[in-house]
C-alpha atoms as a PDB file:
ATOM      1  CA  MET A   1    -104.189-124.576  64.044  1.00  0.00           C
ATOM      2  CA  SER A   2    -103.249-127.822  65.642  1.00  0.00           C
ATOM      3  CA  ARG A   3    -101.470-130.538  63.723  1.00  0.00           C
ATOM      4  CA  ASP A   4    -102.817-133.808  64.379  1.00  0.00           C
ATOM      5  CA  LEU A   5    -100.017-135.405  66.208  1.00  0.00           C
ATOM      6  CA  ASN A   6    -101.095-139.154  66.095  1.00  0.00           C
ATOM      7  CA  ARG A   7    -102.145-139.146  62.802  1.00  0.00           C
ATOM      8  CA  ARG A   8     -98.452-137.622  61.871  1.00  0.00           C
ATOM      9  CA  ASP A   9     -96.890-139.902  64.426  1.00  0.00           C
ATOM     10  CA  LEU A  10     -98.556-142.316  62.387  1.00  0.00           C
ATOM     11  CA  LEU A  11     -97.377-140.995  59.378  1.00  0.00           C
ATOM     12  CA  LYS A  12     -93.896-141.592  60.739  1.00  0.00           C
ATOM     13  CA  SER A  13     -94.007-144.589  61.543  1.00  0.00           C
ATOM     14  CA  ALA A  14     -95.243-146.386  58.576  1.00  0.00           C
ATOM     15  CA  GLY A  15     -92.204-144.745  56.542  1.00  0.00           C
ATOM     16  CA  LEU A  16     -94.446-143.244  53.820  1.00  0.00           C
ATOM     17  CA  ALA A  17     -91.763-141.529  51.392  1.00  0.00           C
ATOM     18  CA  GLY A  18     -92.465-139.286  48.068  1.00  0.00           C
ATOM     19  CA  ALA A  19     -91.245-142.419  45.985  1.00  0.00           C
ATOM     20  CA  ALA A  20     -94.719-144.307  47.603  1.00  0.00           C
ATOM     21  CA  MET A  21     -96.840-141.144  46.971  1.00  0.00           C
ATOM     22  CA  PHE A  22     -98.901-142.399  43.912  1.00  0.00           C
ATOM     23  CA  ALA A  23     -99.933-145.774  44.914  1.00  0.00           C
ATOM     24  CA  SER A  24    -103.693-144.347  43.811  1.00  0.00           C
ATOM     25  CA  PRO A  25    -104.722-145.819  40.389  1.00  0.00           C
ATOM     26  CA  LEU A  26    -106.278-142.599  40.412  1.00  0.00           C
ATOM     27  CA  LEU A  27    -102.811-141.068  39.525  1.00  0.00           C
ATOM     28  CA  GLN A  28    -101.453-143.252  36.816  1.00  0.00           C
ATOM     29  CA  TRP A  29    -103.704-141.920  33.295  1.00  0.00           C
ATOM     30  CA  ALA A  30    -102.017-138.658  31.849  1.00  0.00           C
ATOM     31  CA  ALA A  31    -102.529-138.654  27.720  1.00  0.00           C
ATOM     32  CA  ALA A  32     -99.443-138.775  25.943  1.00  0.00           C
ATOM     33  CA  ASP A  33    -100.023-136.168  22.933  1.00  0.00           C
ATOM     34  CA  GLU A  34    -100.733-133.540  26.180  1.00  0.00           C
ATOM     35  CA  LYS A  35     -98.414-130.722  25.620  1.00  0.00           C
ATOM     36  CA  PRO A  36     -95.391-130.130  28.796  1.00  0.00           C
ATOM     37  CA  ARG A  37     -96.847-128.302  31.251  1.00  0.00           C
ATOM     38  CA  LYS A  38     -95.049-125.583  33.356  1.00  0.00           C
ATOM     39  CA  LEU A  39     -96.663-125.160  36.957  1.00  0.00           C
ATOM     40  CA  LEU A  40     -95.559-122.907  39.492  1.00  0.00           C
ATOM     41  CA  PHE A  41     -95.527-124.040  42.994  1.00  0.00           C
ATOM     42  CA  PHE A  42     -95.370-120.798  45.040  1.00  0.00           C
ATOM     43  CA  THR A  43     -95.604-121.634  49.557  1.00  0.00           C
ATOM     44  CA  ARG A  44     -94.621-119.163  50.824  1.00  0.00           C
ATOM     45  CA  SER A  45     -96.705-118.261  54.408  1.00  0.00           C
ATOM     46  CA  GLN A  46     -96.562-114.978  56.312  1.00  0.00           C
ATOM     47  CA  GLY A  47     -97.684-116.413  59.497  1.00  0.00           C
ATOM     48  CA  PHE A  48     -98.962-119.882  60.090  1.00  0.00           C
ATOM     49  CA  GLU A  49     -96.804-122.091  58.076  1.00  0.00           C
ATOM     50  CA  HIS A  50     -98.723-125.602  57.319  1.00  0.00           C
ATOM     51  CA  SER A  51     -96.191-128.378  58.157  1.00  0.00           C
ATOM     52  CA  ALA A  52     -96.689-129.530  54.575  1.00  0.00           C
ATOM     53  CA  ILE A  53     -94.919-127.050  53.278  1.00  0.00           C
ATOM     54  CA  THR A  54     -92.317-126.542  55.521  1.00  0.00           C
ATOM     55  CA  ARG A  55     -88.804-127.276  54.931  1.00  0.00           C
ATOM     56  CA  PRO A  56     -86.382-128.080  56.591  1.00  0.00           C
ATOM     57  CA  LYS A  57     -84.737-125.460  58.982  1.00  0.00           C
ATOM     58  CA  ASN A  58     -80.266-126.625  58.448  1.00  0.00           C
ATOM     59  CA  ALA A  59     -81.836-127.126  54.314  1.00  0.00           C
ATOM     60  CA  PRO A  60     -83.955-124.478  53.639  1.00  0.00           C
ATOM     61  CA  ASP A  61     -83.442-125.441  49.457  1.00  0.00           C
ATOM     62  CA  GLN A  62     -84.478-129.258  50.534  1.00  0.00           C
ATOM     63  CA  LEU A  63     -88.090-129.760  49.389  1.00  0.00           C
ATOM     64  CA  SER A  64     -91.555-129.242  52.198  1.00  0.00           C
ATOM     65  CA  PHE A  65     -93.415-132.658  51.038  1.00  0.00           C
ATOM     66  CA  ALA A  66     -96.423-131.504  49.843  1.00  0.00           C
ATOM     67  CA  GLU A  67     -93.491-130.156  47.475  1.00  0.00           C
ATOM     68  CA  LYS A  68     -92.148-133.158  46.821  1.00  0.00           C
ATOM     69  CA  PHE A  69     -95.561-134.755  45.949  1.00  0.00           C
ATOM     70  CA  MET A  70     -96.042-132.055  43.219  1.00  0.00           C
ATOM     71  CA  VAL A  71     -92.845-132.626  41.793  1.00  0.00           C
ATOM     72  CA  ASP A  72     -93.163-136.693  41.587  1.00  0.00           C
ATOM     73  CA  PHE A  73     -96.968-135.059  40.882  1.00  0.00           C
ATOM     74  CA  GLY A  74     -95.482-132.932  38.055  1.00  0.00           C
ATOM     75  CA  LYS A  75     -93.079-135.964  36.332  1.00  0.00           C
ATOM     76  CA  LYS A  76     -96.134-137.968  36.158  1.00  0.00           C
ATOM     77  CA  HIS A  77     -98.540-135.775  34.294  1.00  0.00           C
ATOM     78  CA  ASN A  78     -95.990-134.884  31.392  1.00  0.00           C
ATOM     79  CA  THR A  79     -95.693-130.941  33.798  1.00  0.00           C
ATOM     80  CA  GLU A  80     -92.814-129.237  34.951  1.00  0.00           C
ATOM     81  CA  VAL A  81     -93.163-128.059  39.013  1.00  0.00           C
ATOM     82  CA  THR A  82     -91.095-125.110  39.789  1.00  0.00           C
ATOM     83  CA  CYS A  83     -91.269-125.259  43.362  1.00  0.00           C
ATOM     84  CA  THR A  84     -90.347-121.703  45.739  1.00  0.00           C
ATOM     85  CA  LYS A  85     -90.515-119.192  48.423  1.00  0.00           C
ATOM     86  CA  ASP A  86     -89.738-116.346  46.471  1.00  0.00           C
ATOM     87  CA  GLY A  87     -91.797-113.861  46.258  1.00  0.00           C
ATOM     88  CA  GLY A  88     -89.119-112.527  43.737  1.00  0.00           C
ATOM     89  CA  VAL A  89     -90.696-114.580  40.816  1.00  0.00           C
ATOM     90  CA  PHE A  90     -94.206-112.773  40.850  1.00  0.00           C
ATOM     91  CA  THR A  91     -92.836-109.837  38.063  1.00  0.00           C
ATOM     92  CA  ALA A  92     -94.433-110.484  34.509  1.00  0.00           C
ATOM     93  CA  ASP A  93     -91.332-111.982  32.907  1.00  0.00           C
ATOM     94  CA  GLY A  94     -90.923-114.121  36.231  1.00  0.00           C
ATOM     95  CA  LEU A  95     -94.512-115.262  35.658  1.00  0.00           C
ATOM     96  CA  ALA A  96     -94.247-115.734  31.651  1.00  0.00           C
ATOM     97  CA  PRO A  97     -93.025-119.235  31.176  1.00  0.00           C
ATOM     98  CA  PHE A  98     -95.516-120.726  33.208  1.00  0.00           C
ATOM     99  CA  ASP A  99     -99.069-122.713  32.417  1.00  0.00           C
ATOM    100  CA  VAL A 100    -100.686-123.007  36.227  1.00  0.00           C
ATOM    101  CA  ILE A 101     -99.241-120.789  39.453  1.00  0.00           C
ATOM    102  CA  MET A 102    -100.396-123.214  42.278  1.00  0.00           C
ATOM    103  CA  PHE A 103    -100.596-121.859  45.736  1.00  0.00           C
ATOM    104  CA  TYR A 104    -100.897-123.214  49.555  1.00  0.00           C
ATOM    105  CA  THR A 105     -99.663-119.627  51.120  1.00  0.00           C
ATOM    106  CA  THR A 106    -100.637-118.562  54.687  1.00  0.00           C
ATOM    107  CA  GLY A 107    -100.473-114.577  55.682  1.00  0.00           C
ATOM    108  CA  LEU A 108     -99.882-110.661  53.661  1.00  0.00           C
ATOM    109  CA  LEU A 109     -97.358-111.889  50.733  1.00  0.00           C
ATOM    110  CA  ASP A 110     -95.775-108.478  50.591  1.00  0.00           C
ATOM    111  CA  ARG A 111     -94.192-108.023  54.116  1.00  0.00           C
ATOM    112  CA  PRO A 112     -91.007-109.474  55.080  1.00  0.00           C
ATOM    113  CA  ALA A 113     -91.408-113.239  56.776  1.00  0.00           C
ATOM    114  CA  PRO A 114     -91.138-113.775  60.354  1.00  0.00           C
ATOM    115  CA  ALA A 115     -87.983-115.840  61.512  1.00  0.00           C
ATOM    116  CA  LYS A 116     -89.581-118.750  62.641  1.00  0.00           C
ATOM    117  CA  SER A 117     -90.880-118.962  58.744  1.00  0.00           C
ATOM    118  CA  SER A 118     -88.900-121.617  56.343  1.00  0.00           C
ATOM    119  CA  ALA A 119     -90.217-118.379  53.791  1.00  0.00           C
ATOM    120  CA  THR A 120     -87.034-116.094  55.306  1.00  0.00           C
ATOM    121  CA  ASN A 121     -85.282-118.302  52.694  1.00  0.00           C
ATOM    122  CA  GLY A 122     -86.950-115.790  49.791  1.00  0.00           C
ATOM    123  CA  LYS A 123     -88.148-112.466  48.992  1.00  0.00           C
ATOM    124  CA  PRO A 124     -91.456-110.966  49.495  1.00  0.00           C
ATOM    125  CA  MET A 125     -93.434-109.998  46.476  1.00  0.00           C
ATOM    126  CA  PRO A 126     -92.524-106.913  44.938  1.00  0.00           C
ATOM    127  CA  SER A 127     -95.081-103.674  45.408  1.00  0.00           C
ATOM    128  CA  ASP A 128     -96.826-105.061  42.096  1.00  0.00           C
ATOM    129  CA  GLY A 129     -96.543-108.969  42.469  1.00  0.00           C
ATOM    130  CA  LYS A 130    -100.282-108.831  43.424  1.00  0.00           C
ATOM    131  CA  GLN A 131    -101.239-106.841  40.475  1.00  0.00           C
ATOM    132  CA  ASN A 132     -98.947-108.881  38.047  1.00  0.00           C
ATOM    133  CA  LEU A 133    -100.833-112.594  39.486  1.00  0.00           C
ATOM    134  CA  LEU A 134    -104.137-111.344  38.910  1.00  0.00           C
ATOM    135  CA  LYS A 135    -103.071-109.929  35.677  1.00  0.00           C
ATOM    136  CA  ALA A 136    -101.621-112.990  34.467  1.00  0.00           C
ATOM    137  CA  ILE A 137    -104.352-115.237  35.660  1.00  0.00           C
ATOM    138  CA  GLU A 138    -106.813-112.418  33.722  1.00  0.00           C
ATOM    139  CA  GLY A 139    -104.784-113.036  31.244  1.00  0.00           C
ATOM    140  CA  GLY A 140    -105.434-116.877  30.450  1.00  0.00           C
ATOM    141  CA  LYS A 141    -103.004-118.553  33.053  1.00  0.00           C
ATOM    142  CA  GLY A 142    -104.329-121.123  35.440  1.00  0.00           C
ATOM    143  CA  PHE A 143    -104.839-120.970  38.827  1.00  0.00           C
ATOM    144  CA  LEU A 144    -104.893-123.916  41.376  1.00  0.00           C
ATOM    145  CA  ALA A 145    -105.170-123.134  45.155  1.00  0.00           C
ATOM    146  CA  VAL A 146    -105.427-125.559  48.305  1.00  0.00           C
ATOM    147  CA  HIS A 147    -106.007-125.152  51.779  1.00  0.00           C
ATOM    148  CA  SER A 148    -104.980-121.663  53.607  1.00  0.00           C
ATOM    149  CA  SER A 149    -104.431-120.265  49.811  1.00  0.00           C
ATOM    150  CA  THR A 150    -107.788-118.099  51.214  1.00  0.00           C
ATOM    151  CA  ASP A 151    -106.084-116.981  54.545  1.00  0.00           C
ATOM    152  CA  THR A 152    -103.423-114.966  52.250  1.00  0.00           C
ATOM    153  CA  TRP A 153    -104.678-111.710  51.404  1.00  0.00           C
ATOM    154  CA  HIS A 154    -108.042-110.177  53.619  1.00  0.00           C
ATOM    155  CA  SER A 155    -110.489-107.777  52.302  1.00  0.00           C
ATOM    156  CA  PRO A 156    -110.467-104.629  54.297  1.00  0.00           C
ATOM    157  CA  PRO A 157    -114.164-103.560  55.896  1.00  0.00           C
ATOM    158  CA  GLY A 158    -116.663-102.891  52.917  1.00  0.00           C
ATOM    159  CA  THR A 159    -114.489-103.529  50.217  1.00  0.00           C
ATOM    160  CA  VAL A 160    -113.481-107.134  48.944  1.00  0.00           C
ATOM    161  CA  ASP A 161    -109.561-107.550  47.900  1.00  0.00           C
ATOM    162  CA  PRO A 162    -109.156-108.118  44.488  1.00  0.00           C
ATOM    163  CA  TYR A 163    -107.598-110.961  45.481  1.00  0.00           C
ATOM    164  CA  ILE A 164    -110.589-112.645  47.543  1.00  0.00           C
ATOM    165  CA  GLU A 165    -112.488-111.798  43.735  1.00  0.00           C
ATOM    166  CA  MET A 166    -110.288-113.973  41.950  1.00  0.00           C
ATOM    167  CA  ILE A 167    -109.885-116.770  44.240  1.00  0.00           C
ATOM    168  CA  GLY A 168    -113.813-116.772  45.035  1.00  0.00           C
ATOM    169  CA  GLY A 169    -113.371-117.048  49.101  1.00  0.00           C
ATOM    170  CA  GLU A 170    -112.249-115.726  51.725  1.00  0.00           C
ATOM    171  CA  PHE A 171    -111.013-117.341  54.915  1.00  0.00           C
ATOM    172  CA  VAL A 172    -112.894-115.974  58.663  1.00  0.00           C
ATOM    173  CA  VAL A 173    -111.734-119.189  61.449  1.00  0.00           C
ATOM    174  CA  HIS A 174    -111.941-123.035  61.612  1.00  0.00           C
ATOM    175  CA  GLY A 175    -112.638-124.940  64.201  1.00  0.00           C
ATOM    176  CA  LYS A 176    -110.560-127.874  65.747  1.00  0.00           C
ATOM    177  CA  GLN A 177    -109.639-131.096  62.934  1.00  0.00           C
ATOM    178  CA  GLN A 178    -112.772-133.439  62.791  1.00  0.00           C
ATOM    179  CA  ASP A 179    -114.731-135.042  60.364  1.00  0.00           C
ATOM    180  CA  ALA A 180    -117.459-133.531  57.865  1.00  0.00           C
ATOM    181  CA  LYS A 181    -119.578-134.944  55.064  1.00  0.00           C
ATOM    182  CA  ILE A 182    -118.786-133.765  51.774  1.00  0.00           C
ATOM    183  CA  GLU A 183    -121.226-134.042  49.665  1.00  0.00           C
ATOM    184  CA  ALA A 184    -120.302-134.043  45.514  1.00  0.00           C
ATOM    185  CA  ILE A 185    -122.752-132.133  43.462  1.00  0.00           C
ATOM    186  CA  VAL A 186    -121.244-132.251  40.062  1.00  0.00           C
ATOM    187  CA  HIS A 187    -120.018-136.545  39.978  1.00  0.00           C
ATOM    188  CA  GLU A 188    -118.728-135.989  36.362  1.00  0.00           C
ATOM    189  CA  TRP A 189    -116.808-132.273  35.461  1.00  0.00           C
ATOM    190  CA  GLY A 190    -113.551-132.519  34.050  1.00  0.00           C
ATOM    191  CA  ALA A 191    -110.608-134.985  34.514  1.00  0.00           C
ATOM    192  CA  ILE A 192    -113.068-135.394  37.177  1.00  0.00           C
ATOM    193  CA  LYS A 193    -114.772-138.301  36.902  1.00  0.00           C
ATOM    194  CA  GLY A 194    -117.142-140.217  38.765  1.00  0.00           C
ATOM    195  CA  LEU A 195    -117.066-138.211  42.030  1.00  0.00           C
ATOM    196  CA  GLU A 196    -119.001-139.438  44.771  1.00  0.00           C
ATOM    197  CA  SER A 197    -119.733-137.962  48.642  1.00  0.00           C
ATOM    198  CA  PHE A 198    -118.036-138.976  51.518  1.00  0.00           C
ATOM    199  CA  THR A 199    -116.511-138.198  54.909  1.00  0.00           C
ATOM    200  CA  LYS A 200    -112.974-136.737  55.842  1.00  0.00           C
ATOM    201  CA  PHE A 201    -111.049-135.729  58.843  1.00  0.00           C
ATOM    202  CA  GLU A 202    -109.925-132.877  58.344  1.00  0.00           C
ATOM    203  CA  GLU A 203    -109.188-128.729  59.474  1.00  0.00           C
ATOM    204  CA  TRP A 204    -112.382-127.468  57.643  1.00  0.00           C
ATOM    205  CA  TYR A 205    -112.450-123.551  56.857  1.00  0.00           C
ATOM    206  CA  ILE A 206    -115.519-121.053  57.642  1.00  0.00           C
ATOM    207  CA  LEU A 207    -115.176-118.503  54.410  1.00  0.00           C
ATOM    208  CA  LYS A 208    -116.470-115.332  53.182  1.00  0.00           C
ATOM    209  CA  ASN A 209    -117.186-113.050  50.694  1.00  0.00           C
ATOM    210  CA  LEU A 210    -117.140-116.173  48.111  1.00  0.00           C
ATOM    211  CA  ALA A 211    -118.396-115.620  44.644  1.00  0.00           C
ATOM    212  CA  PRO A 212    -121.352-116.570  42.723  1.00  0.00           C
ATOM    213  CA  ASP A 213    -120.235-117.149  39.203  1.00  0.00           C
ATOM    214  CA  MET A 214    -118.661-120.067  40.884  1.00  0.00           C
ATOM    215  CA  GLU A 215    -119.425-124.022  40.554  1.00  0.00           C
ATOM    216  CA  VAL A 216    -119.339-125.932  43.249  1.00  0.00           C
ATOM    217  CA  LEU A 217    -118.545-129.504  43.028  1.00  0.00           C
ATOM    218  CA  LEU A 218    -118.233-129.971  46.936  1.00  0.00           C
ATOM    219  CA  LEU A 219    -120.132-129.113  49.423  1.00  0.00           C
ATOM    220  CA  GLN A 220    -119.689-128.745  53.242  1.00  0.00           C
ATOM    221  CA  ASP A 221    -122.167-130.449  55.540  1.00  0.00           C
ATOM    222  CA  THR A 222    -122.443-128.040  58.484  1.00  0.00           C
ATOM    223  CA  LYS A 223    -124.555-130.932  60.139  1.00  0.00           C
ATOM    224  CA  SER A 224    -122.267-133.642  60.210  1.00  0.00           C
ATOM    225  CA  MET A 225    -120.293-131.662  61.807  1.00  0.00           C
ATOM    226  CA  SER A 226    -119.162-131.961  65.955  1.00  0.00           C
ATOM    227  CA  GLU A 227    -118.919-128.565  66.455  1.00  0.00           C
ATOM    228  CA  GLN A 228    -121.807-125.730  67.398  1.00  0.00           C
ATOM    229  CA  ARG A 229    -120.054-122.629  65.070  1.00  0.00           C
ATOM    230  CA  TYR A 230    -120.389-125.268  62.897  1.00  0.00           C
ATOM    231  CA  ASN A 231    -124.274-126.653  63.028  1.00  0.00           C
ATOM    232  CA  ASP A 232    -125.175-122.832  62.677  1.00  0.00           C
ATOM    233  CA  LEU A 233    -123.776-122.412  59.186  1.00  0.00           C
ATOM    234  CA  ALA A 234    -125.871-122.937  56.549  1.00  0.00           C
ATOM    235  CA  PRO A 235    -123.954-125.807  54.081  1.00  0.00           C
ATOM    236  CA  TYR A 236    -121.349-123.817  51.569  1.00  0.00           C
ATOM    237  CA  PRO A 237    -118.417-124.591  48.923  1.00  0.00           C
ATOM    238  CA  GLU A 238    -115.358-126.951  49.925  1.00  0.00           C
ATOM    239  CA  THR A 239    -114.332-127.420  46.121  1.00  0.00           C
ATOM    240  CA  TRP A 240    -114.948-124.968  43.072  1.00  0.00           C
ATOM    241  CA  ALA A 241    -114.004-123.885  39.819  1.00  0.00           C
ATOM    242  CA  ARG A 242    -114.825-120.205  39.061  1.00  0.00           C
ATOM    243  CA  THR A 243    -113.278-118.571  35.363  1.00  0.00           C
ATOM    244  CA  HIS A 244    -111.422-114.979  35.957  1.00  0.00           C
ATOM    245  CA  GLY A 245    -110.945-113.864  32.731  1.00  0.00           C
ATOM    246  CA  LYS A 246    -109.551-115.680  30.527  1.00  0.00           C
ATOM    247  CA  GLY A 247    -108.189-117.726  33.088  1.00  0.00           C
ATOM    248  CA  ARG A 248    -109.587-120.962  35.117  1.00  0.00           C
ATOM    249  CA  VAL A 249    -109.322-120.796  38.826  1.00  0.00           C
ATOM    250  CA  PHE A 250    -109.857-124.468  41.165  1.00  0.00           C
ATOM    251  CA  TYR A 251    -109.712-124.292  44.591  1.00  0.00           C
ATOM    252  CA  THR A 252    -110.794-127.023  47.631  1.00  0.00           C
ATOM    253  CA  SER A 253    -109.948-126.167  51.345  1.00  0.00           C
ATOM    254  CA  MET A 254    -108.513-129.597  51.117  1.00  0.00           C
ATOM    255  CA  GLY A 255    -104.289-130.600  52.128  1.00  0.00           C
ATOM    256  CA  HIS A 256    -104.410-129.555  55.731  1.00  0.00           C
ATOM    257  CA  ARG A 257    -102.265-132.413  56.929  1.00  0.00           C
ATOM    258  CA  GLU A 258     -99.451-134.446  54.935  1.00  0.00           C
ATOM    259  CA  ASP A 259    -101.796-137.715  54.704  1.00  0.00           C
ATOM    260  CA  VAL A 260    -104.386-135.477  53.516  1.00  0.00           C
ATOM    261  CA  TRP A 261    -102.177-135.454  50.260  1.00  0.00           C
ATOM    262  CA  GLU A 262    -101.408-139.171  50.342  1.00  0.00           C
ATOM    263  CA  SER A 263    -105.534-139.617  50.559  1.00  0.00           C
ATOM    264  CA  ASP A 264    -107.439-140.914  46.932  1.00  0.00           C
ATOM    265  CA  ILE A 265    -109.942-138.227  47.039  1.00  0.00           C
ATOM    266  CA  PHE A 266    -107.125-135.653  47.433  1.00  0.00           C
ATOM    267  CA  HIS A 267    -105.151-136.780  43.897  1.00  0.00           C
ATOM    268  CA  GLN A 268    -108.811-137.048  42.627  1.00  0.00           C
ATOM    269  CA  VAL A 269    -110.027-133.692  43.138  1.00  0.00           C
ATOM    270  CA  LEU A 270    -106.378-132.313  42.684  1.00  0.00           C
ATOM    271  CA  LEU A 271    -105.583-134.098  39.151  1.00  0.00           C
ATOM    272  CA  GLY A 272    -109.083-133.028  38.006  1.00  0.00           C
ATOM    273  CA  GLY A 273    -108.351-129.454  39.344  1.00  0.00           C
ATOM    274  CA  PHE A 274    -104.566-129.494  37.775  1.00  0.00           C
ATOM    275  CA  GLN A 275    -105.657-131.087  34.090  1.00  0.00           C
ATOM    276  CA  TRP A 276    -108.572-127.873  33.773  1.00  0.00           C
ATOM    277  CA  THR A 277    -106.752-125.098  34.700  1.00  0.00           C
ATOM    278  CA  ALA A 278    -103.401-126.542  32.713  1.00  0.00           C
ATOM    279  CA  GLY A 279    -106.268-126.292  30.022  1.00  0.00           C
ATOM    280  CA  ASN A 280    -105.370-129.984  29.057  1.00  0.00           C
ATOM    281  CA  VAL A 281    -109.104-130.954  29.576  1.00  0.00           C
ATOM    282  CA  GLU A 282    -112.501-128.865  29.067  1.00  0.00           C
ATOM    283  CA  ALA A 283    -115.091-128.319  31.137  1.00  0.00           C
ATOM    284  CA  GLU A 284    -117.639-125.657  31.416  1.00  0.00           C
ATOM    285  CA  VAL A 285    -118.055-123.866  34.206  1.00  0.00           C
ATOM    286  CA  LYS A 286    -122.405-123.320  34.994  1.00  0.00           C
ATOM    287  CA  PRO A 287    -122.318-120.743  37.988  1.00  0.00           C
ATOM    288  CA  ASN A 288    -124.378-122.737  41.332  1.00  0.00           C
ATOM    289  CA  LEU A 289    -123.923-121.255  44.833  1.00  0.00           C
ATOM    290  CA  VAL A 290    -127.019-119.355  45.086  1.00  0.00           C
ATOM    291  CA  GLN A 291    -128.844-123.025  43.716  1.00  0.00           C
ATOM    292  CA  VAL A 292    -126.889-125.640  46.225  1.00  0.00           C
ATOM    293  CA  ALA A 293    -125.661-123.217  48.909  1.00  0.00           C
ATOM    294  CA  PRO A 294    -128.254-120.366  49.071  1.00  0.00           C
ATOM    295  CA  GLY A 295    -127.238-119.376  53.072  1.00  0.00           C
ATOM    296  CA  ALA A 296    -123.821-119.245  52.032  1.00  0.00           C
ATOM    297  CA  PRO A 297    -121.958-116.130  53.065  1.00  0.00           C
ATOM    298  CA  ARG A 298    -121.591-114.962  49.062  1.00  0.00           C
ATOM    299  CA  ARG A 299    -120.396-112.010  47.430  1.00  0.00           C
ATOM    300  CA  HIS A 300    -122.784-109.095  46.334  1.00  0.00           C
ATOM    301  CA  ALA A 301    -125.432-110.893  48.511  1.00  0.00           C
ATOM    302  CA  ALA A 302    -127.888-109.432  45.932  1.00  0.00           C
ATOM    303  CA  ALA A 303    -126.456-111.200  42.766  1.00  0.00           C
ATOM    304  CA  THR A 304    -127.672-114.252  41.303  1.00  0.00           C
END
């Protein structure tokens, strides 16, 4: 998973820092009567660790770029954000205070992290950590996930991992970072207002085991991409929402680089996903995967 050095260097030279992250007017509103929310942002990676969530090795308690972003995001939206790489929080009592659990994770979370990962400053999940997570979401907590969160647990042959069933899709592979046209399927959804199609440079994912009961909000146009591995595929979901028991689940594959987090479109999508998963706004989930992405590799393909 390569980084885009030119863009990263450009960010550094431009001096973009946490205080300027929210210049976009898209993030400047929040209902005054919303009750305070609590969000847990979990960024443990035991495979590849993205630069946006990597903490300084000489200061493991100093927050990463994306963690600082979410803390500032919370301040603007009446939300207390707790950032951690410590899997020890995934007990019933540990998760109880939070309204929303947010993931930017990679790799099996119940194994020790490699020495190169900044996750070594925390514990892996307990043996029942995944079960506690899924139970919390089924019971009504929101789940907000970005980018490599679909590359966290993987399904054994012939089955679908319960986490994959919950999040709605499973990472397979990605090509080089490149432009892709992303088609807005739903223009007005919850707090996402006026969503329009766009073209963006990202590390775009190829996915499988897609949940047939998802509502696809953004669709990846594979024919617009430069690599044949994408061109050979039918268009597939990029951002979606679904319900899991009483819980609300929202995923977007965007978020690989710091400048993506800085972009207006990511702000718009992230804010919409947060407001819905936190229960601040209502939006009916209308499953549309079969209709808008009939060739996408969905879970239980016979289901419609």
